[in-house]
Amino acid sequence: MIKIEIPGSCTLALQHAVFDYNGTIALDGELDKTVADRLCELQKQLTIHVLTADTNQTVEEACKGYGFHVSVFSSGAAAAEKRRIVESLGKGVVCFGNGFNDIGMAEAADLAIAVLAEEGACAKLLTVCDLVVGSPLLAIDLLLKPHRLIATLRA
């Protein structure tokens, strides 16, 4: 668990980190080794969930052996399934995404972070997220180095 007190706002008691795959932690279906290593570091404190419609059909192989909870669903069901999974986890959820189908999970999470990387990010998603960052590594580091998160969100 990661506990973060945001002065003038709230205290986050995070237990789950939920990541969209393509465009958020993977580019063109490829999970960068550095990103995977950083997720493994985060996994020491939080349960890692990877949710995807798996556009490139690579997530199972890319995440094999890391111990992440991977959920794959049809592209037509992605938005509803992502939201349903986040809601089923209850309190203590931080989510990361970049696409239109990540809006529902962002609304349902305790903390939502948009990743604006090579694939871009859906403008509508940005309106429901608490933060926007420029890479998956920067996104993960917000939890590994929570003083960054605190500095951005404090009232």
N, C-alpha and C. Protein backbone atom coordinates (compact mmCIF):
# COMPACT_ATOMS: atom_id res chain seq x y z
N MET A 1 0.84 -1.18 0.00
CA MET A 1 0.00 0.00 0.00
C MET A 1 0.89 1.25 0.00
N ILE A 2 0.40 2.28 -0.66
CA ILE A 2 1.06 3.58 -0.65
C ILE A 2 0.07 4.57 -0.05
N LYS A 3 0.48 5.23 1.02
CA LYS A 3 -0.36 6.25 1.66
C LYS A 3 0.27 7.61 1.37
N ILE A 4 -0.54 8.50 0.80
CA ILE A 4 -0.06 9.83 0.43
C ILE A 4 -1.04 10.87 0.96
N GLU A 5 -0.55 11.76 1.80
CA GLU A 5 -1.38 12.84 2.30
C GLU A 5 -1.20 14.06 1.41
N ILE A 6 -2.29 14.50 0.81
CA ILE A 6 -2.29 15.69 -0.05
C ILE A 6 -2.78 16.86 0.79
N PRO A 7 -1.89 17.75 1.22
CA PRO A 7 -2.29 18.87 2.08
C PRO A 7 -3.45 19.68 1.48
N GLY A 8 -4.44 19.93 2.32
CA GLY A 8 -5.59 20.72 1.91
C GLY A 8 -6.56 19.98 1.01
N SER A 9 -6.34 18.68 0.82
CA SER A 9 -7.19 17.93 -0.09
C SER A 9 -7.67 16.62 0.53
N CYS A 10 -6.82 15.59 0.53
CA CYS A 10 -7.24 14.27 1.01
C CYS A 10 -6.01 13.42 1.32
N THR A 11 -6.27 12.25 1.86
CA THR A 11 -5.23 11.25 2.04
C THR A 11 -5.58 10.06 1.16
N LEU A 12 -4.65 9.69 0.31
CA LEU A 12 -4.83 8.55 -0.58
C LEU A 12 -4.21 7.32 0.07
N ALA A 13 -4.95 6.24 0.13
CA ALA A 13 -4.45 4.96 0.61
C ALA A 13 -4.58 3.99 -0.56
N LEU A 14 -3.56 3.97 -1.40
CA LEU A 14 -3.61 3.24 -2.66
C LEU A 14 -3.19 1.78 -2.49
N GLN A 15 -3.96 0.90 -3.13
CA GLN A 15 -3.68 -0.54 -3.10
C GLN A 15 -3.52 -1.13 -4.49
N HIS A 16 -4.14 -0.50 -5.49
CA HIS A 16 -4.15 -1.02 -6.85
C HIS A 16 -3.74 0.06 -7.84
N ALA A 17 -2.89 -0.31 -8.79
CA ALA A 17 -2.54 0.56 -9.91
C ALA A 17 -3.05 -0.11 -11.18
N VAL A 18 -3.93 0.58 -11.89
CA VAL A 18 -4.56 0.05 -13.08
C VAL A 18 -4.03 0.82 -14.29
N PHE A 19 -3.49 0.08 -15.25
CA PHE A 19 -2.88 0.68 -16.43
C PHE A 19 -3.57 0.22 -17.70
N ASP A 20 -3.91 1.19 -18.56
CA ASP A 20 -4.22 0.87 -19.94
C ASP A 20 -2.90 0.41 -20.56
N TYR A 21 -2.96 -0.41 -21.58
CA TYR A 21 -1.73 -0.94 -22.17
C TYR A 21 -1.24 -0.07 -23.34
N ASN A 22 -1.89 -0.20 -24.51
CA ASN A 22 -1.41 0.51 -25.70
C ASN A 22 -1.57 2.02 -25.59
N GLY A 23 -0.49 2.72 -25.80
CA GLY A 23 -0.50 4.17 -25.73
C GLY A 23 -0.19 4.72 -24.35
N THR A 24 -0.33 3.88 -23.34
CA THR A 24 -0.08 4.31 -21.97
C THR A 24 1.24 3.75 -21.46
N ILE A 25 1.37 2.43 -21.40
CA ILE A 25 2.65 1.84 -20.99
C ILE A 25 3.35 1.12 -22.13
N ALA A 26 2.66 0.95 -23.26
CA ALA A 26 3.25 0.28 -24.42
C ALA A 26 3.10 1.17 -25.65
N LEU A 27 4.04 1.05 -26.56
CA LEU A 27 3.99 1.77 -27.83
C LEU A 27 3.99 0.75 -28.95
N ASP A 28 2.99 0.82 -29.81
CA ASP A 28 2.84 -0.13 -30.91
C ASP A 28 2.86 -1.57 -30.41
N GLY A 29 2.28 -1.79 -29.24
CA GLY A 29 2.18 -3.12 -28.67
C GLY A 29 3.41 -3.61 -27.93
N GLU A 30 4.46 -2.81 -27.89
CA GLU A 30 5.71 -3.21 -27.25
C GLU A 30 5.84 -2.56 -25.87
N LEU A 31 6.07 -3.39 -24.87
CA LEU A 31 6.30 -2.91 -23.51
C LEU A 31 7.79 -2.70 -23.34
N ASP A 32 8.19 -1.46 -23.16
CA ASP A 32 9.60 -1.12 -22.98
C ASP A 32 10.13 -1.77 -21.71
N LYS A 33 11.34 -2.31 -21.76
CA LYS A 33 11.95 -3.00 -20.62
C LYS A 33 12.07 -2.08 -19.41
N THR A 34 12.42 -0.82 -19.63
CA THR A 34 12.54 0.13 -18.52
C THR A 34 11.20 0.36 -17.85
N VAL A 35 10.14 0.46 -18.64
CA VAL A 35 8.79 0.63 -18.08
C VAL A 35 8.41 -0.63 -17.29
N ALA A 36 8.68 -1.80 -17.84
CA ALA A 36 8.37 -3.05 -17.14
C ALA A 36 9.12 -3.14 -15.82
N ASP A 37 10.39 -2.76 -15.82
CA ASP A 37 11.18 -2.79 -14.60
C ASP A 37 10.62 -1.83 -13.55
N ARG A 38 10.18 -0.66 -14.00
CA ARG A 38 9.61 0.32 -13.07
C ARG A 38 8.28 -0.18 -12.52
N LEU A 39 7.49 -0.86 -13.35
CA LEU A 39 6.25 -1.46 -12.86
C LEU A 39 6.54 -2.53 -11.82
N CYS A 40 7.58 -3.28 -12.02
CA CYS A 40 7.98 -4.29 -11.03
C CYS A 40 8.37 -3.64 -9.70
N GLU A 41 9.02 -2.50 -9.77
CA GLU A 41 9.36 -1.75 -8.55
C GLU A 41 8.09 -1.30 -7.84
N LEU A 42 7.14 -0.79 -8.61
CA LEU A 42 5.86 -0.34 -8.04
C LEU A 42 5.07 -1.52 -7.47
N GLN A 43 5.22 -2.67 -8.09
CA GLN A 43 4.49 -3.87 -7.67
C GLN A 43 4.87 -4.32 -6.26
N LYS A 44 5.97 -3.83 -5.75
CA LYS A 44 6.35 -4.14 -4.37
C LYS A 44 5.40 -3.49 -3.37
N GLN A 45 4.67 -2.46 -3.84
CA GLN A 45 3.76 -1.74 -2.96
C GLN A 45 2.29 -1.82 -3.37
N LEU A 46 2.03 -2.01 -4.65
CA LEU A 46 0.66 -2.04 -5.16
C LEU A 46 0.45 -3.25 -6.07
N THR A 47 -0.79 -3.70 -6.17
CA THR A 47 -1.14 -4.72 -7.15
C THR A 47 -1.25 -4.04 -8.50
N ILE A 48 -0.59 -4.60 -9.51
CA ILE A 48 -0.59 -4.02 -10.86
C ILE A 48 -1.60 -4.73 -11.74
N HIS A 49 -2.49 -3.95 -12.36
CA HIS A 49 -3.50 -4.46 -13.29
C HIS A 49 -3.25 -3.82 -14.64
N VAL A 50 -3.24 -4.62 -15.70
CA VAL A 50 -3.10 -4.11 -17.07
C VAL A 50 -4.39 -4.48 -17.80
N LEU A 51 -5.09 -3.45 -18.29
CA LEU A 51 -6.38 -3.63 -18.96
C LEU A 51 -6.26 -3.19 -20.41
N THR A 52 -6.76 -4.02 -21.33
CA THR A 52 -6.58 -3.68 -22.73
C THR A 52 -7.52 -4.42 -23.66
N ALA A 53 -7.80 -3.79 -24.78
CA ALA A 53 -8.46 -4.48 -25.90
C ALA A 53 -7.38 -5.15 -26.76
N ASP A 54 -6.12 -4.91 -26.43
CA ASP A 54 -4.96 -5.56 -27.06
C ASP A 54 -4.96 -5.42 -28.57
N THR A 55 -5.01 -4.20 -29.03
CA THR A 55 -5.03 -3.88 -30.46
C THR A 55 -3.97 -4.63 -31.25
N ASN A 56 -2.77 -4.74 -30.68
CA ASN A 56 -1.65 -5.39 -31.38
C ASN A 56 -1.47 -6.86 -31.01
N GLN A 57 -2.33 -7.36 -30.14
CA GLN A 57 -2.29 -8.76 -29.70
C GLN A 57 -0.92 -9.18 -29.18
N THR A 58 -0.38 -8.35 -28.28
CA THR A 58 0.97 -8.61 -27.74
C THR A 58 1.01 -8.62 -26.22
N VAL A 59 -0.06 -8.23 -25.55
CA VAL A 59 0.01 -7.99 -24.10
C VAL A 59 0.34 -9.24 -23.30
N GLU A 60 -0.24 -10.37 -23.66
CA GLU A 60 0.00 -11.60 -22.89
C GLU A 60 1.49 -11.96 -22.90
N GLU A 61 2.10 -11.93 -24.05
CA GLU A 61 3.52 -12.27 -24.16
C GLU A 61 4.38 -11.19 -23.49
N ALA A 62 4.04 -9.93 -23.71
CA ALA A 62 4.84 -8.83 -23.16
C ALA A 62 4.84 -8.82 -21.63
N CYS A 63 3.72 -9.20 -21.03
CA CYS A 63 3.59 -9.15 -19.57
C CYS A 63 3.88 -10.49 -18.89
N LYS A 64 4.17 -11.48 -19.68
CA LYS A 64 4.43 -12.83 -19.16
C LYS A 64 5.59 -12.82 -18.17
N GLY A 65 5.36 -13.44 -17.03
CA GLY A 65 6.43 -13.59 -16.05
C GLY A 65 6.58 -12.44 -15.06
N TYR A 66 5.82 -11.36 -15.24
CA TYR A 66 5.94 -10.21 -14.33
C TYR A 66 4.98 -10.30 -13.14
N GLY A 67 3.95 -11.09 -13.24
CA GLY A 67 2.99 -11.18 -12.15
C GLY A 67 1.91 -10.12 -12.18
N PHE A 68 1.81 -9.37 -13.27
CA PHE A 68 0.75 -8.37 -13.40
C PHE A 68 -0.57 -9.10 -13.65
N HIS A 69 -1.67 -8.51 -13.20
CA HIS A 69 -3.01 -9.02 -13.51
C HIS A 69 -3.41 -8.42 -14.85
N VAL A 70 -3.49 -9.25 -15.88
CA VAL A 70 -3.79 -8.78 -17.23
C VAL A 70 -5.22 -9.17 -17.60
N SER A 71 -5.99 -8.19 -18.07
CA SER A 71 -7.36 -8.43 -18.54
C SER A 71 -7.47 -7.95 -19.98
N VAL A 72 -7.92 -8.84 -20.86
CA VAL A 72 -8.09 -8.51 -22.28
C VAL A 72 -9.56 -8.68 -22.62
N PHE A 73 -10.11 -7.72 -23.37
CA PHE A 73 -11.50 -7.78 -23.77
C PHE A 73 -11.65 -7.19 -25.16
N SER A 74 -12.79 -7.40 -25.80
CA SER A 74 -13.01 -6.88 -27.15
C SER A 74 -13.02 -5.36 -27.14
N SER A 75 -12.63 -4.79 -28.26
CA SER A 75 -12.53 -3.33 -28.33
C SER A 75 -13.88 -2.65 -28.09
N GLY A 76 -14.96 -3.28 -28.48
CA GLY A 76 -16.28 -2.70 -28.26
C GLY A 76 -16.69 -2.66 -26.80
N ALA A 77 -16.08 -3.51 -25.98
CA ALA A 77 -16.42 -3.59 -24.56
C ALA A 77 -15.38 -2.91 -23.68
N ALA A 78 -14.34 -2.36 -24.26
CA ALA A 78 -13.20 -1.86 -23.48
C ALA A 78 -13.59 -0.82 -22.43
N ALA A 79 -14.32 0.20 -22.81
CA ALA A 79 -14.66 1.27 -21.87
C ALA A 79 -15.46 0.73 -20.69
N ALA A 80 -16.47 -0.04 -20.97
CA ALA A 80 -17.32 -0.57 -19.90
C ALA A 80 -16.56 -1.56 -19.02
N GLU A 81 -15.73 -2.40 -19.61
CA GLU A 81 -14.98 -3.38 -18.84
C GLU A 81 -13.93 -2.71 -17.95
N LYS A 82 -13.25 -1.69 -18.48
CA LYS A 82 -12.25 -0.98 -17.68
C LYS A 82 -12.91 -0.33 -16.46
N ARG A 83 -14.03 0.32 -16.68
CA ARG A 83 -14.75 0.95 -15.56
C ARG A 83 -15.21 -0.11 -14.55
N ARG A 84 -15.77 -1.20 -15.05
CA ARG A 84 -16.27 -2.26 -14.18
C ARG A 84 -15.14 -2.83 -13.31
N ILE A 85 -13.99 -3.04 -13.90
CA ILE A 85 -12.87 -3.60 -13.14
C ILE A 85 -12.41 -2.63 -12.06
N VAL A 86 -12.27 -1.37 -12.40
CA VAL A 86 -11.86 -0.37 -11.40
C VAL A 86 -12.89 -0.30 -10.28
N GLU A 87 -14.16 -0.28 -10.61
CA GLU A 87 -15.21 -0.24 -9.58
C GLU A 87 -15.16 -1.49 -8.71
N SER A 88 -14.86 -2.64 -9.30
CA SER A 88 -14.84 -3.89 -8.53
C SER A 88 -13.68 -3.93 -7.53
N LEU A 89 -12.65 -3.15 -7.77
CA LEU A 89 -11.50 -3.11 -6.85
C LEU A 89 -11.80 -2.29 -5.60
N GLY A 90 -12.84 -1.47 -5.65
CA GLY A 90 -13.22 -0.67 -4.48
C GLY A 90 -12.33 0.55 -4.31
N LYS A 91 -12.08 0.92 -3.07
CA LYS A 91 -11.25 2.10 -2.77
C LYS A 91 -9.77 1.76 -2.94
N GLY A 92 -8.98 2.82 -3.08
CA GLY A 92 -7.53 2.63 -3.15
C GLY A 92 -7.00 2.36 -4.54
N VAL A 93 -7.68 2.91 -5.57
CA VAL A 93 -7.28 2.65 -6.96
C VAL A 93 -6.74 3.91 -7.62
N VAL A 94 -5.58 3.78 -8.23
CA VAL A 94 -5.04 4.80 -9.11
C VAL A 94 -5.04 4.21 -10.51
N CYS A 95 -5.47 4.99 -11.50
CA CYS A 95 -5.47 4.47 -12.86
C CYS A 95 -4.69 5.40 -13.79
N PHE A 96 -4.20 4.79 -14.86
CA PHE A 96 -3.39 5.48 -15.86
C PHE A 96 -3.92 5.13 -17.24
N GLY A 97 -4.13 6.14 -18.07
CA GLY A 97 -4.63 5.88 -19.41
C GLY A 97 -4.33 7.01 -20.36
N ASN A 98 -4.70 6.81 -21.62
CA ASN A 98 -4.51 7.86 -22.61
C ASN A 98 -5.67 7.99 -23.59
N GLY A 99 -6.61 7.04 -23.54
CA GLY A 99 -7.63 7.00 -24.58
C GLY A 99 -9.03 7.31 -24.14
N PHE A 100 -9.89 7.45 -25.12
CA PHE A 100 -11.31 7.71 -24.87
C PHE A 100 -11.92 6.61 -24.01
N ASN A 101 -11.49 5.36 -24.25
CA ASN A 101 -12.09 4.26 -23.49
C ASN A 101 -11.54 4.17 -22.06
N ASP A 102 -10.70 5.11 -21.67
CA ASP A 102 -10.19 5.17 -20.30
C ASP A 102 -10.96 6.17 -19.43
N ILE A 103 -11.89 6.89 -20.01
CA ILE A 103 -12.63 7.92 -19.28
C ILE A 103 -13.41 7.33 -18.10
N GLY A 104 -14.13 6.26 -18.32
CA GLY A 104 -14.94 5.66 -17.25
C GLY A 104 -14.09 5.17 -16.09
N MET A 105 -12.96 4.54 -16.38
CA MET A 105 -12.12 4.07 -15.28
C MET A 105 -11.50 5.25 -14.53
N ALA A 106 -11.20 6.33 -15.25
CA ALA A 106 -10.66 7.53 -14.60
C ALA A 106 -11.69 8.14 -13.66
N GLU A 107 -12.93 8.16 -14.08
CA GLU A 107 -14.00 8.69 -13.23
C GLU A 107 -14.20 7.82 -11.98
N ALA A 108 -13.98 6.52 -12.10
CA ALA A 108 -14.23 5.60 -11.00
C ALA A 108 -13.06 5.48 -10.03
N ALA A 109 -11.87 5.88 -10.44
CA ALA A 109 -10.67 5.71 -9.61
C ALA A 109 -10.55 6.81 -8.57
N ASP A 110 -9.79 6.54 -7.52
CA ASP A 110 -9.50 7.55 -6.50
C ASP A 110 -8.52 8.60 -7.01
N LEU A 111 -7.65 8.18 -7.91
CA LEU A 111 -6.67 9.07 -8.52
C LEU A 111 -6.51 8.65 -9.97
N ALA A 112 -6.62 9.60 -10.90
CA ALA A 112 -6.53 9.30 -12.32
C ALA A 112 -5.42 10.13 -12.95
N ILE A 113 -4.55 9.44 -13.69
CA ILE A 113 -3.40 10.09 -14.32
C ILE A 113 -3.43 9.79 -15.82
N ALA A 114 -3.43 10.84 -16.62
CA ALA A 114 -3.38 10.69 -18.07
C ALA A 114 -1.92 10.72 -18.52
N VAL A 115 -1.61 9.84 -19.46
CA VAL A 115 -0.25 9.77 -20.01
C VAL A 115 -0.30 10.30 -21.43
N LEU A 116 0.36 11.42 -21.65
CA LEU A 116 0.42 12.07 -22.95
C LEU A 116 1.78 11.77 -23.56
N ALA A 117 1.88 10.63 -24.24
CA ALA A 117 3.15 10.19 -24.81
C ALA A 117 3.04 10.16 -26.33
N GLU A 118 3.77 9.27 -26.97
CA GLU A 118 3.86 9.24 -28.43
C GLU A 118 2.52 9.11 -29.15
N GLU A 119 1.58 8.38 -28.59
CA GLU A 119 0.27 8.20 -29.23
C GLU A 119 -0.69 9.34 -28.94
N GLY A 120 -0.29 10.26 -28.07
CA GLY A 120 -1.17 11.35 -27.69
C GLY A 120 -2.13 10.91 -26.61
N ALA A 121 -3.07 11.78 -26.29
CA ALA A 121 -4.08 11.47 -25.29
C ALA A 121 -5.40 12.11 -25.72
N CYS A 122 -6.47 11.44 -25.43
CA CYS A 122 -7.80 11.96 -25.74
C CYS A 122 -8.07 13.20 -24.90
N ALA A 123 -8.45 14.28 -25.55
CA ALA A 123 -8.71 15.54 -24.85
C ALA A 123 -9.81 15.39 -23.80
N LYS A 124 -10.83 14.61 -24.07
CA LYS A 124 -11.91 14.42 -23.10
C LYS A 124 -11.42 13.70 -21.85
N LEU A 125 -10.45 12.80 -22.00
CA LEU A 125 -9.89 12.11 -20.84
C LEU A 125 -9.21 13.10 -19.91
N LEU A 126 -8.53 14.08 -20.49
CA LEU A 126 -7.79 15.06 -19.69
C LEU A 126 -8.71 15.83 -18.75
N THR A 127 -9.98 15.98 -19.12
CA THR A 127 -10.91 16.74 -18.29
C THR A 127 -11.35 15.99 -17.03
N VAL A 128 -11.14 14.67 -16.97
CA VAL A 128 -11.54 13.90 -15.79
C VAL A 128 -10.35 13.39 -14.98
N CYS A 129 -9.14 13.60 -15.47
CA CYS A 129 -7.95 13.14 -14.76
C CYS A 129 -7.46 14.19 -13.77
N ASP A 130 -6.78 13.70 -12.74
CA ASP A 130 -6.20 14.59 -11.73
C ASP A 130 -4.88 15.18 -12.18
N LEU A 131 -4.14 14.46 -12.99
CA LEU A 131 -2.85 14.90 -13.50
C LEU A 131 -2.65 14.43 -14.92
N VAL A 132 -1.75 15.10 -15.63
CA VAL A 132 -1.33 14.70 -16.96
C VAL A 132 0.19 14.70 -16.96
N VAL A 133 0.79 13.61 -17.45
CA VAL A 133 2.25 13.52 -17.52
C VAL A 133 2.67 13.12 -18.92
N GLY A 134 3.96 13.31 -19.21
CA GLY A 134 4.48 13.12 -20.55
C GLY A 134 5.08 11.77 -20.88
N SER A 135 5.03 10.81 -19.98
CA SER A 135 5.55 9.47 -20.30
C SER A 135 5.10 8.48 -19.24
N PRO A 136 5.12 7.19 -19.57
CA PRO A 136 4.75 6.20 -18.56
C PRO A 136 5.73 6.18 -17.39
N LEU A 137 6.99 6.44 -17.64
CA LEU A 137 7.97 6.46 -16.54
C LEU A 137 7.68 7.59 -15.57
N LEU A 138 7.35 8.76 -16.08
CA LEU A 138 7.00 9.88 -15.21
C LEU A 138 5.73 9.56 -14.42
N ALA A 139 4.79 8.88 -15.05
CA ALA A 139 3.55 8.51 -14.37
C ALA A 139 3.82 7.56 -13.21
N ILE A 140 4.59 6.54 -13.44
CA ILE A 140 4.91 5.56 -12.40
C ILE A 140 5.71 6.23 -11.28
N ASP A 141 6.62 7.11 -11.65
CA ASP A 141 7.44 7.79 -10.65
C ASP A 141 6.64 8.69 -9.73
N LEU A 142 5.46 9.13 -10.14
CA LEU A 142 4.61 9.91 -9.24
C LEU A 142 4.25 9.11 -7.99
N LEU A 143 4.19 7.79 -8.13
CA LEU A 143 3.88 6.94 -6.98
C LEU A 143 5.14 6.49 -6.25
N LEU A 144 6.20 6.27 -7.00
CA LEU A 144 7.46 5.87 -6.36
C LEU A 144 8.14 7.03 -5.65
N LYS A 145 7.85 8.24 -6.11
CA LYS A 145 8.40 9.46 -5.51
C LYS A 145 7.22 10.41 -5.23
N PRO A 146 6.41 10.09 -4.23
CA PRO A 146 5.13 10.78 -4.03
C PRO A 146 5.25 12.27 -3.73
N HIS A 147 6.41 12.77 -3.36
CA HIS A 147 6.55 14.23 -3.15
C HIS A 147 6.21 14.99 -4.43
N ARG A 148 6.43 14.37 -5.60
CA ARG A 148 6.06 15.01 -6.87
C ARG A 148 4.55 15.15 -6.98
N LEU A 149 3.86 14.11 -6.61
CA LEU A 149 2.41 14.11 -6.62
C LEU A 149 1.85 15.13 -5.64
N ILE A 150 2.41 15.15 -4.46
CA ILE A 150 1.97 16.08 -3.42
C ILE A 150 2.15 17.52 -3.88
N ALA A 151 3.30 17.82 -4.48
CA ALA A 151 3.58 19.19 -4.92
C ALA A 151 2.58 19.65 -5.98
N THR A 152 2.12 18.73 -6.82
CA THR A 152 1.19 19.09 -7.88
C THR A 152 -0.24 19.20 -7.40
N LEU A 153 -0.67 18.37 -6.47
CA LEU A 153 -2.09 18.32 -6.09
C LEU A 153 -2.47 19.07 -4.82
N ARG A 154 -1.49 19.52 -4.05
CA ARG A 154 -1.86 20.16 -2.78
C ARG A 154 -2.66 21.44 -3.03
N ALA A 155 -3.52 21.74 -2.06
CA ALA A 155 -4.39 22.91 -2.19
C ALA A 155 -3.62 24.18 -1.84
